[in-house]
PDB file of N, CA and C in Angstrom:
ATOM      1  N   MET A   1       0.839  -1.172   0.000  1.00  0.00           N
ATOM      2  CA  MET A   1       0.000   0.000   0.000  1.00  0.00           C
ATOM      3  C   MET A   1       0.888   1.240   0.000  1.00  0.00           C
ATOM      4  N   ILE A   2       0.589   2.170  -0.849  1.00  0.00           N
ATOM      5  CA  ILE A   2       1.354   3.409  -0.933  1.00  0.00           C
ATOM      6  C   ILE A   2       0.611   4.482  -0.143  1.00  0.00           C
ATOM      7  N   ARG A   3       1.325   5.102   0.807  1.00  0.00           N
ATOM      8  CA  ARG A   3       0.740   6.203   1.561  1.00  0.00           C
ATOM      9  C   ARG A   3       1.305   7.507   1.036  1.00  0.00           C
ATOM     10  N   HIS A   4       0.462   8.502   0.982  1.00  0.00           N
ATOM     11  CA  HIS A   4       0.901   9.812   0.534  1.00  0.00           C
ATOM     12  C   HIS A   4       1.533  10.566   1.693  1.00  0.00           C
ATOM     13  N   GLU A   5       2.322  11.564   1.371  1.00  0.00           N
ATOM     14  CA  GLU A   5       3.032  12.336   2.383  1.00  0.00           C
ATOM     15  C   GLU A   5       2.094  12.929   3.424  1.00  0.00           C
ATOM     16  N   ASN A   6       0.903  13.359   3.017  1.00  0.00           N
ATOM     17  CA  ASN A   6      -0.041  13.952   3.965  1.00  0.00           C
ATOM     18  C   ASN A   6      -0.827  12.905   4.750  1.00  0.00           C
ATOM     19  N   ASP A   7      -0.515  11.637   4.564  1.00  0.00           N
ATOM     20  CA  ASP A   7      -1.200  10.537   5.242  1.00  0.00           C
ATOM     21  C   ASP A   7      -0.276   9.873   6.269  1.00  0.00           C
ATOM     22  N   LEU A   8       0.594  10.664   6.893  1.00  0.00           N
ATOM     23  CA  LEU A   8       1.565  10.111   7.833  1.00  0.00           C
ATOM     24  C   LEU A   8       1.084  10.119   9.273  1.00  0.00           C
ATOM     25  N   THR A   9      -0.039  10.751   9.542  1.00  0.00           N
ATOM     26  CA  THR A   9      -0.546  10.798  10.909  1.00  0.00           C
ATOM     27  C   THR A   9      -1.925  10.181  10.977  1.00  0.00           C
ATOM     28  N   LEU A  10      -2.270   9.755  12.167  1.00  0.00           N
ATOM     29  CA  LEU A  10      -3.575   9.156  12.430  1.00  0.00           C
ATOM     30  C   LEU A  10      -4.239  10.006  13.500  1.00  0.00           C
ATOM     31  N   ASN A  11      -5.486  10.397  13.293  1.00  0.00           N
ATOM     32  CA  ASN A  11      -6.126  11.238  14.305  1.00  0.00           C
ATOM     33  C   ASN A  11      -6.381  10.431  15.581  1.00  0.00           C
ATOM     34  N   GLU A  12      -6.543  11.118  16.672  1.00  0.00           N
ATOM     35  CA  GLU A  12      -6.689  10.492  17.993  1.00  0.00           C
ATOM     36  C   GLU A  12      -7.888   9.559  18.060  1.00  0.00           C
ATOM     37  N   HIS A  13      -8.985   9.945  17.447  1.00  0.00           N
ATOM     38  CA  HIS A  13     -10.203   9.130  17.467  1.00  0.00           C
ATOM     39  C   HIS A  13      -9.964   7.776  16.785  1.00  0.00           C
ATOM     40  N   THR A  14      -9.385   7.808  15.599  1.00  0.00           N
ATOM     41  CA  THR A  14      -9.099   6.577  14.866  1.00  0.00           C
ATOM     42  C   THR A  14      -8.073   5.734  15.607  1.00  0.00           C
ATOM     43  N   ALA A  15      -7.034   6.376  16.135  1.00  0.00           N
ATOM     44  CA  ALA A  15      -6.009   5.651  16.887  1.00  0.00           C
ATOM     45  C   ALA A  15      -6.614   4.944  18.097  1.00  0.00           C
ATOM     46  N   ALA A  16      -7.542   5.589  18.779  1.00  0.00           N
ATOM     47  CA  ALA A  16      -8.188   4.988  19.949  1.00  0.00           C
ATOM     48  C   ALA A  16      -8.991   3.755  19.560  1.00  0.00           C
ATOM     49  N   HIS A  17      -9.686   3.826  18.422  1.00  0.00           N
ATOM     50  CA  HIS A  17     -10.476   2.678  17.970  1.00  0.00           C
ATOM     51  C   HIS A  17      -9.587   1.504  17.535  1.00  0.00           C
ATOM     52  N   VAL A  18      -8.484   1.810  16.899  1.00  0.00           N
ATOM     53  CA  VAL A  18      -7.545   0.749  16.503  1.00  0.00           C
ATOM     54  C   VAL A  18      -6.954   0.094  17.751  1.00  0.00           C
ATOM     55  N   ALA A  19      -6.581   0.898  18.738  1.00  0.00           N
ATOM     56  CA  ALA A  19      -6.035   0.357  19.992  1.00  0.00           C
ATOM     57  C   ALA A  19      -7.070  -0.529  20.685  1.00  0.00           C
ATOM     58  N   GLU A  20      -8.331  -0.119  20.669  1.00  0.00           N
ATOM     59  CA  GLU A  20      -9.412  -0.910  21.272  1.00  0.00           C
ATOM     60  C   GLU A  20      -9.570  -2.252  20.550  1.00  0.00           C
ATOM     61  N   LEU A  21      -9.475  -2.224  19.236  1.00  0.00           N
ATOM     62  CA  LEU A  21      -9.572  -3.462  18.465  1.00  0.00           C
ATOM     63  C   LEU A  21      -8.452  -4.425  18.854  1.00  0.00           C
ATOM     64  N   PHE A  22      -7.243  -3.918  18.909  1.00  0.00           N
ATOM     65  CA  PHE A  22      -6.127  -4.795  19.250  1.00  0.00           C
ATOM     66  C   PHE A  22      -6.162  -5.230  20.716  1.00  0.00           C
ATOM     67  N   ARG A  23      -6.795  -4.434  21.576  1.00  0.00           N
ATOM     68  CA  ARG A  23      -6.959  -4.834  22.973  1.00  0.00           C
ATOM     69  C   ARG A  23      -7.793  -6.116  23.062  1.00  0.00           C
ATOM     70  N   ALA A  24      -8.716  -6.283  22.130  1.00  0.00           N
ATOM     71  CA  ALA A  24      -9.535  -7.500  22.107  1.00  0.00           C
ATOM     72  C   ALA A  24      -8.676  -8.733  21.901  1.00  0.00           C
ATOM     73  N   PHE A  25      -7.549  -8.573  21.216  1.00  0.00           N
ATOM     74  CA  PHE A  25      -6.652  -9.692  20.928  1.00  0.00           C
ATOM     75  C   PHE A  25      -5.607  -9.895  22.025  1.00  0.00           C
ATOM     76  N   SER A  26      -5.708  -9.162  23.127  1.00  0.00           N
ATOM     77  CA  SER A  26      -4.667  -9.196  24.152  1.00  0.00           C
ATOM     78  C   SER A  26      -4.903 -10.232  25.244  1.00  0.00           C
ATOM     79  N   ASP A  27      -5.959 -10.998  25.155  1.00  0.00           N
ATOM     80  CA  ASP A  27      -6.277 -12.010  26.165  1.00  0.00           C
ATOM     81  C   ASP A  27      -6.403 -13.367  25.476  1.00  0.00           C
ATOM     82  N   THR A  28      -5.722 -14.380  26.019  1.00  0.00           N
ATOM     83  CA  THR A  28      -5.712 -15.686  25.349  1.00  0.00           C
ATOM     84  C   THR A  28      -7.107 -16.314  25.251  1.00  0.00           C
ATOM     85  N   SER A  29      -7.937 -16.138  26.257  1.00  0.00           N
ATOM     86  CA  SER A  29      -9.298 -16.689  26.171  1.00  0.00           C
ATOM     87  C   SER A  29     -10.101 -15.997  25.078  1.00  0.00           C
ATOM     88  N   ARG A  30      -9.984 -14.669  24.985  1.00  0.00           N
ATOM     89  CA  ARG A  30     -10.699 -13.958  23.916  1.00  0.00           C
ATOM     90  C   ARG A  30     -10.184 -14.384  22.550  1.00  0.00           C
ATOM     91  N   VAL A  31      -8.885 -14.581  22.436  1.00  0.00           N
ATOM     92  CA  VAL A  31      -8.312 -15.032  21.168  1.00  0.00           C
ATOM     93  C   VAL A  31      -8.884 -16.388  20.790  1.00  0.00           C
ATOM     94  N   ARG A  32      -8.988 -17.278  21.752  1.00  0.00           N
ATOM     95  CA  ARG A  32      -9.529 -18.611  21.456  1.00  0.00           C
ATOM     96  C   ARG A  32     -11.014 -18.547  21.106  1.00  0.00           C
ATOM     97  N   ILE A  33     -11.756 -17.668  21.769  1.00  0.00           N
ATOM     98  CA  ILE A  33     -13.170 -17.468  21.441  1.00  0.00           C
ATOM     99  C   ILE A  33     -13.298 -16.935  20.021  1.00  0.00           C
ATOM    100  N   LEU A  34     -12.515 -15.915  19.705  1.00  0.00           N
ATOM    101  CA  LEU A  34     -12.564 -15.340  18.364  1.00  0.00           C
ATOM    102  C   LEU A  34     -12.178 -16.359  17.305  1.00  0.00           C
ATOM    103  N   TYR A  35     -11.183 -17.183  17.601  1.00  0.00           N
ATOM    104  CA  TYR A  35     -10.773 -18.221  16.648  1.00  0.00           C
ATOM    105  C   TYR A  35     -11.947 -19.151  16.348  1.00  0.00           C
ATOM    106  N   ALA A  36     -12.658 -19.573  17.401  1.00  0.00           N
ATOM    107  CA  ALA A  36     -13.816 -20.455  17.206  1.00  0.00           C
ATOM    108  C   ALA A  36     -14.905 -19.757  16.393  1.00  0.00           C
ATOM    109  N   LEU A  37     -15.064 -18.452  16.598  1.00  0.00           N
ATOM    110  CA  LEU A  37     -16.119 -17.716  15.912  1.00  0.00           C
ATOM    111  C   LEU A  37     -15.763 -17.319  14.478  1.00  0.00           C
ATOM    112  N   THR A  38     -14.507 -17.505  14.077  1.00  0.00           N
ATOM    113  CA  THR A  38     -14.148 -17.139  12.704  1.00  0.00           C
ATOM    114  C   THR A  38     -14.836 -18.031  11.679  1.00  0.00           C
ATOM    115  N   SER A  39     -15.228 -19.224  12.085  1.00  0.00           N
ATOM    116  CA  SER A  39     -15.840 -20.120  11.109  1.00  0.00           C
ATOM    117  C   SER A  39     -17.276 -20.529  11.441  1.00  0.00           C
ATOM    118  N   HIS A  40     -17.726 -20.282  12.685  1.00  0.00           N
ATOM    119  CA  HIS A  40     -19.068 -20.715  13.080  1.00  0.00           C
ATOM    120  C   HIS A  40     -19.716 -19.710  14.027  1.00  0.00           C
ATOM    121  N   GLU A  41     -21.005 -19.580  13.906  1.00  0.00           N
ATOM    122  CA  GLU A  41     -21.800 -18.872  14.899  1.00  0.00           C
ATOM    123  C   GLU A  41     -22.024 -19.879  16.031  1.00  0.00           C
ATOM    124  N   LEU A  42     -21.735 -19.508  17.271  1.00  0.00           N
ATOM    125  CA  LEU A  42     -21.819 -20.452  18.383  1.00  0.00           C
ATOM    126  C   LEU A  42     -22.486 -19.817  19.595  1.00  0.00           C
ATOM    127  N   ASN A  43     -23.055 -20.671  20.458  1.00  0.00           N
ATOM    128  CA  ASN A  43     -23.608 -20.181  21.710  1.00  0.00           C
ATOM    129  C   ASN A  43     -22.565 -20.334  22.824  1.00  0.00           C
ATOM    130  N   VAL A  44     -22.880 -19.823  24.000  1.00  0.00           N
ATOM    131  CA  VAL A  44     -21.933 -19.828  25.119  1.00  0.00           C
ATOM    132  C   VAL A  44     -21.502 -21.246  25.476  1.00  0.00           C
ATOM    133  N   GLY A  45     -22.450 -22.175  25.535  1.00  0.00           N
ATOM    134  CA  GLY A  45     -22.124 -23.553  25.895  1.00  0.00           C
ATOM    135  C   GLY A  45     -21.147 -24.191  24.917  1.00  0.00           C
ATOM    136  N   ALA A  46     -21.389 -24.004  23.638  1.00  0.00           N
ATOM    137  CA  ALA A  46     -20.501 -24.574  22.619  1.00  0.00           C
ATOM    138  C   ALA A  46     -19.118 -23.934  22.681  1.00  0.00           C
ATOM    139  N   LEU A  47     -19.073 -22.618  22.902  1.00  0.00           N
ATOM    140  CA  LEU A  47     -17.776 -21.946  23.028  1.00  0.00           C
ATOM    141  C   LEU A  47     -17.010 -22.436  24.253  1.00  0.00           C
ATOM    142  N   ALA A  48     -17.718 -22.577  25.373  1.00  0.00           N
ATOM    143  CA  ALA A  48     -17.074 -23.052  26.602  1.00  0.00           C
ATOM    144  C   ALA A  48     -16.496 -24.448  26.396  1.00  0.00           C
ATOM    145  N   ALA A  49     -17.255 -25.325  25.755  1.00  0.00           N
ATOM    146  CA  ALA A  49     -16.780 -26.684  25.493  1.00  0.00           C
ATOM    147  C   ALA A  49     -15.601 -26.678  24.525  1.00  0.00           C
ATOM    148  N   ALA A  50     -15.656 -25.810  23.526  1.00  0.00           N
ATOM    149  CA  ALA A  50     -14.612 -25.774  22.499  1.00  0.00           C
ATOM    150  C   ALA A  50     -13.274 -25.303  23.059  1.00  0.00           C
ATOM    151  N   ILE A  51     -13.312 -24.329  23.961  1.00  0.00           N
ATOM    152  CA  ILE A  51     -12.040 -23.781  24.443  1.00  0.00           C
ATOM    153  C   ILE A  51     -11.676 -24.226  25.851  1.00  0.00           C
ATOM    154  N   GLY A  52     -12.571 -24.967  26.505  1.00  0.00           N
ATOM    155  CA  GLY A  52     -12.244 -25.547  27.797  1.00  0.00           C
ATOM    156  C   GLY A  52     -12.235 -24.579  28.962  1.00  0.00           C
ATOM    157  N   VAL A  53     -13.134 -23.590  28.941  1.00  0.00           N
ATOM    158  CA  VAL A  53     -13.295 -22.694  30.090  1.00  0.00           C
ATOM    159  C   VAL A  53     -14.766 -22.677  30.481  1.00  0.00           C
ATOM    160  N   SER A  54     -15.067 -22.105  31.617  1.00  0.00           N
ATOM    161  CA  SER A  54     -16.440 -22.105  32.108  1.00  0.00           C
ATOM    162  C   SER A  54     -17.341 -21.215  31.257  1.00  0.00           C
ATOM    163  N   GLU A  55     -18.631 -21.521  31.281  1.00  0.00           N
ATOM    164  CA  GLU A  55     -19.598 -20.696  30.567  1.00  0.00           C
ATOM    165  C   GLU A  55     -19.602 -19.276  31.124  1.00  0.00           C
ATOM    166  N   SER A  56     -19.399 -19.150  32.430  1.00  0.00           N
ATOM    167  CA  SER A  56     -19.338 -17.832  33.054  1.00  0.00           C
ATOM    168  C   SER A  56     -18.189 -17.002  32.487  1.00  0.00           C
ATOM    169  N   ALA A  57     -17.021 -17.629  32.333  1.00  0.00           N
ATOM    170  CA  ALA A  57     -15.859 -16.924  31.779  1.00  0.00           C
ATOM    171  C   ALA A  57     -16.111 -16.534  30.321  1.00  0.00           C
ATOM    172  N   VAL A  58     -16.715 -17.441  29.549  1.00  0.00           N
ATOM    173  CA  VAL A  58     -17.024 -17.135  28.152  1.00  0.00           C
ATOM    174  C   VAL A  58     -18.004 -15.972  28.082  1.00  0.00           C
ATOM    175  N   SER A  59     -19.024 -15.989  28.917  1.00  0.00           N
ATOM    176  CA  SER A  59     -20.011 -14.897  28.931  1.00  0.00           C
ATOM    177  C   SER A  59     -19.347 -13.566  29.248  1.00  0.00           C
ATOM    178  N   HIS A  60     -18.436 -13.571  30.193  1.00  0.00           N
ATOM    179  CA  HIS A  60     -17.703 -12.359  30.564  1.00  0.00           C
ATOM    180  C   HIS A  60     -16.918 -11.814  29.366  1.00  0.00           C
ATOM    181  N   HIS A  61     -16.201 -12.683  28.678  1.00  0.00           N
ATOM    182  CA  HIS A  61     -15.417 -12.259  27.518  1.00  0.00           C
ATOM    183  C   HIS A  61     -16.314 -11.804  26.371  1.00  0.00           C
ATOM    184  N   LEU A  62     -17.421 -12.501  26.157  1.00  0.00           N
ATOM    185  CA  LEU A  62     -18.344 -12.100  25.095  1.00  0.00           C
ATOM    186  C   LEU A  62     -18.941 -10.727  25.373  1.00  0.00           C
ATOM    187  N   ARG A  63     -19.227 -10.448  26.640  1.00  0.00           N
ATOM    188  CA  ARG A  63     -19.743  -9.130  27.002  1.00  0.00           C
ATOM    189  C   ARG A  63     -18.726  -8.046  26.614  1.00  0.00           C
ATOM    190  N   SER A  64     -17.454  -8.302  26.923  1.00  0.00           N
ATOM    191  CA  SER A  64     -16.395  -7.350  26.536  1.00  0.00           C
ATOM    192  C   SER A  64     -16.304  -7.208  25.025  1.00  0.00           C
ATOM    193  N   LEU A  65     -16.344  -8.324  24.316  1.00  0.00           N
ATOM    194  CA  LEU A  65     -16.247  -8.292  22.853  1.00  0.00           C
ATOM    195  C   LEU A  65     -17.444  -7.582  22.219  1.00  0.00           C
ATOM    196  N   ARG A  66     -18.628  -7.731  22.828  1.00  0.00           N
ATOM    197  CA  ARG A  66     -19.811  -7.005  22.340  1.00  0.00           C
ATOM    198  C   ARG A  66     -19.633  -5.509  22.565  1.00  0.00           C
ATOM    199  N   GLN A  67     -19.150  -5.137  23.750  1.00  0.00           N
ATOM    200  CA  GLN A  67     -18.939  -3.714  24.061  1.00  0.00           C
ATOM    201  C   GLN A  67     -17.889  -3.093  23.139  1.00  0.00           C
ATOM    202  N   MET A  68     -16.911  -3.885  22.716  1.00  0.00           N
ATOM    203  CA  MET A  68     -15.886  -3.399  21.794  1.00  0.00           C
ATOM    204  C   MET A  68     -16.381  -3.356  20.354  1.00  0.00           C
ATOM    205  N   GLY A  69     -17.584  -3.880  20.111  1.00  0.00           N
ATOM    206  CA  GLY A  69     -18.145  -3.871  18.758  1.00  0.00           C
ATOM    207  C   GLY A  69     -17.547  -4.928  17.850  1.00  0.00           C
ATOM    208  N   ILE A  70     -17.098  -6.039  18.441  1.00  0.00           N
ATOM    209  CA  ILE A  70     -16.442  -7.088  17.659  1.00  0.00           C
ATOM    210  C   ILE A  70     -17.365  -8.276  17.397  1.00  0.00           C
ATOM    211  N   VAL A  71     -18.216  -8.600  18.362  1.00  0.00           N
ATOM    212  CA  VAL A  71     -19.175  -9.688  18.159  1.00  0.00           C
ATOM    213  C   VAL A  71     -20.590  -9.155  18.326  1.00  0.00           C
ATOM    214  N   VAL A  72     -21.510  -9.890  17.762  1.00  0.00           N
ATOM    215  CA  VAL A  72     -22.929  -9.566  17.858  1.00  0.00           C
ATOM    216  C   VAL A  72     -23.662 -10.814  18.329  1.00  0.00           C
ATOM    217  N   ALA A  73     -24.762 -10.605  19.068  1.00  0.00           N
ATOM    218  CA  ALA A  73     -25.574 -11.710  19.571  1.00  0.00           C
ATOM    219  C   ALA A  73     -26.862 -11.805  18.760  1.00  0.00           C
ATOM    220  N   ARG A  74     -27.292 -13.045  18.524  1.00  0.00           N
ATOM    221  CA  ARG A  74     -28.555 -13.301  17.827  1.00  0.00           C
ATOM    222  C   ARG A  74     -29.341 -14.309  18.644  1.00  0.00           C
ATOM    223  N   ARG A  75     -30.556 -13.947  19.027  1.00  0.00           N
ATOM    224  CA  ARG A  75     -31.392 -14.842  19.825  1.00  0.00           C
ATOM    225  C   ARG A  75     -32.213 -15.737  18.913  1.00  0.00           C
ATOM    226  N   ASP A  76     -32.239 -17.033  19.264  1.00  0.00           N
ATOM    227  CA  ASP A  76     -33.073 -18.013  18.565  1.00  0.00           C
ATOM    228  C   ASP A  76     -33.782 -18.817  19.645  1.00  0.00           C
ATOM    229  N   GLY A  77     -34.997 -18.386  19.989  1.00  0.00           N
ATOM    230  CA  GLY A  77     -35.712 -19.002  21.100  1.00  0.00           C
ATOM    231  C   GLY A  77     -34.995 -18.682  22.404  1.00  0.00           C
ATOM    232  N   LYS A  78     -34.615 -19.729  23.135  1.00  0.00           N
ATOM    233  CA  LYS A  78     -33.906 -19.532  24.402  1.00  0.00           C
ATOM    234  C   LYS A  78     -32.400 -19.411  24.213  1.00  0.00           C
ATOM    235  N   GLU A  79     -31.916 -19.762  23.047  1.00  0.00           N
ATOM    236  CA  GLU A  79     -30.474 -19.745  22.787  1.00  0.00           C
ATOM    237  C   GLU A  79     -30.029 -18.404  22.214  1.00  0.00           C
ATOM    238  N   VAL A  80     -28.812 -18.013  22.579  1.00  0.00           N
ATOM    239  CA  VAL A  80     -28.188 -16.815  22.024  1.00  0.00           C
ATOM    240  C   VAL A  80     -26.919 -17.259  21.316  1.00  0.00           C
ATOM    241  N   TYR A  81     -26.813 -16.892  20.057  1.00  0.00           N
ATOM    242  CA  TYR A  81     -25.665 -17.262  19.242  1.00  0.00           C
ATOM    243  C   TYR A  81     -24.827 -16.023  18.955  1.00  0.00           C
ATOM    244  N   TYR A  82     -23.518 -16.215  18.949  1.00  0.00           N
ATOM    245  CA  TYR A  82     -22.580 -15.115  18.760  1.00  0.00           C
ATOM    246  C   TYR A  82     -21.814 -15.306  17.457  1.00  0.00           C
ATOM    247  N   SER A  83     -21.536 -14.180  16.817  1.00  0.00           N
ATOM    248  CA  SER A  83     -20.721 -14.198  15.606  1.00  0.00           C
ATOM    249  C   SER A  83     -19.913 -12.907  15.552  1.00  0.00           C
ATOM    250  N   ILE A  84     -18.878 -12.931  14.733  1.00  0.00           N
ATOM    251  CA  ILE A  84     -18.042 -11.748  14.549  1.00  0.00           C
ATOM    252  C   ILE A  84     -18.770 -10.810  13.593  1.00  0.00           C
ATOM    253  N   ILE A  85     -18.840  -9.546  13.962  1.00  0.00           N
ATOM    254  CA  ILE A  85     -19.625  -8.547  13.237  1.00  0.00           C
ATOM    255  C   ILE A  85     -19.113  -8.284  11.828  1.00  0.00           C
ATOM    256  N   ASP A  86     -17.826  -8.111  11.686  1.00  0.00           N
ATOM    257  CA  ASP A  86     -17.268  -7.557  10.461  1.00  0.00           C
ATOM    258  C   ASP A  86     -16.250  -8.508   9.843  1.00  0.00           C
ATOM    259  N   PRO A  87     -16.365  -8.823   8.551  1.00  0.00           N
ATOM    260  CA  PRO A  87     -15.380  -9.706   7.912  1.00  0.00           C
ATOM    261  C   PRO A  87     -13.955  -9.155   7.961  1.00  0.00           C
ATOM    262  N   HIS A  88     -13.807  -7.834   8.091  1.00  0.00           N
ATOM    263  CA  HIS A  88     -12.459  -7.262   8.228  1.00  0.00           C
ATOM    264  C   HIS A  88     -11.778  -7.765   9.503  1.00  0.00           C
ATOM    265  N   ILE A  89     -12.557  -7.917  10.552  1.00  0.00           N
ATOM    266  CA  ILE A  89     -12.005  -8.406  11.827  1.00  0.00           C
ATOM    267  C   ILE A  89     -11.552  -9.850  11.663  1.00  0.00           C
ATOM    268  N   ILE A  90     -12.329 -10.650  10.961  1.00  0.00           N
ATOM    269  CA  ILE A  90     -11.951 -12.037  10.706  1.00  0.00           C
ATOM    270  C   ILE A  90     -10.649 -12.088   9.919  1.00  0.00           C
ATOM    271  N   THR A  91     -10.553 -11.276   8.879  1.00  0.00           N
ATOM    272  CA  THR A  91      -9.333 -11.236   8.061  1.00  0.00           C
ATOM    273  C   THR A  91      -8.132 -10.817   8.886  1.00  0.00           C
ATOM    274  N   LEU A  92      -8.277  -9.753   9.666  1.00  0.00           N
ATOM    275  CA  LEU A  92      -7.190  -9.270  10.509  1.00  0.00           C
ATOM    276  C   LEU A  92      -6.765 -10.341  11.505  1.00  0.00           C
ATOM    277  N   PHE A  93      -7.739 -10.974  12.130  1.00  0.00           N
ATOM    278  CA  PHE A  93      -7.456 -12.022  13.109  1.00  0.00           C
ATOM    279  C   PHE A  93      -6.732 -13.195  12.454  1.00  0.00           C
ATOM    280  N   GLN A  94      -7.232 -13.648  11.308  1.00  0.00           N
ATOM    281  CA  GLN A  94      -6.613 -14.781  10.615  1.00  0.00           C
ATOM    282  C   GLN A  94      -5.198 -14.445  10.157  1.00  0.00           C
ATOM    283  N   GLN A  95      -4.954 -13.214   9.750  1.00  0.00           N
ATOM    284  CA  GLN A  95      -3.607 -12.810   9.372  1.00  0.00           C
ATOM    285  C   GLN A  95      -2.673 -12.861  10.571  1.00  0.00           C
ATOM    286  N   GLY A  96      -3.169 -12.469  11.733  1.00  0.00           N
ATOM    287  CA  GLY A  96      -2.357 -12.551  12.942  1.00  0.00           C
ATOM    288  C   GLY A  96      -2.009 -13.995  13.282  1.00  0.00           C
ATOM    289  N   VAL A  97      -2.996 -14.868  13.202  1.00  0.00           N
ATOM    290  CA  VAL A  97      -2.755 -16.292  13.484  1.00  0.00           C
ATOM    291  C   VAL A  97      -1.760 -16.858  12.475  1.00  0.00           C
ATOM    292  N   ASN A  98      -1.935 -16.550  11.197  1.00  0.00           N
ATOM    293  CA  ASN A  98      -1.005 -17.045  10.175  1.00  0.00           C
ATOM    294  C   ASN A  98       0.401 -16.515  10.404  1.00  0.00           C
ATOM    295  N   HIS A  99       0.526 -15.275  10.774  1.00  0.00           N
ATOM    296  CA  HIS A  99       1.836 -14.675  11.048  1.00  0.00           C
ATOM    297  C   HIS A  99       2.553 -15.439  12.151  1.00  0.00           C
ATOM    298  N   VAL A 100       1.848 -15.740  13.226  1.00  0.00           N
ATOM    299  CA  VAL A 100       2.442 -16.451  14.359  1.00  0.00           C
ATOM    300  C   VAL A 100       2.794 -17.890  13.983  1.00  0.00           C
ATOM    301  N   LYS A 101       1.924 -18.558  13.229  1.00  0.00           N
ATOM    302  CA  LYS A 101       2.181 -19.939  12.828  1.00  0.00           C
ATOM    303  C   LYS A 101       3.368 -20.075  11.881  1.00  0.00           C
ATOM    304  N   GLU A 102       3.648 -19.030  11.099  1.00  0.00           N
ATOM    305  CA  GLU A 102       4.749 -19.093  10.141  1.00  0.00           C
ATOM    306  C   GLU A 102       6.119 -18.908  10.783  1.00  0.00           C
ATOM    307  N   LYS A 103       6.145 -18.414  11.989  1.00  0.00           N
ATOM    308  CA  LYS A 103       7.445 -18.167  12.653  1.00  0.00           C
ATOM    309  C   LYS A 103       8.114 -19.446  13.061  1.00  0.00           C
TER     310      LYS A 103
END
């Protein structure tokens, strides 16, 4: 990507949002939750079973991820299913995982 000379700075608002996005990737449980959600919409029970932590811990992390605008909840009867909101987040996340795996 070519940046122009006048594109060398990032405004504070945008920088804060980028930092918030990367903060979501700063916890191993959230990373594992996000990894599971990159390919499937899942409920709390399925996520807890997939990553081996309690449903309470998964709910706590999902609440944070919802507040950060990274995941969205969809109710189907009594069940609530979670998915990643934006395909850009999936791409960014997968690139991070690939980067680490290639080392």
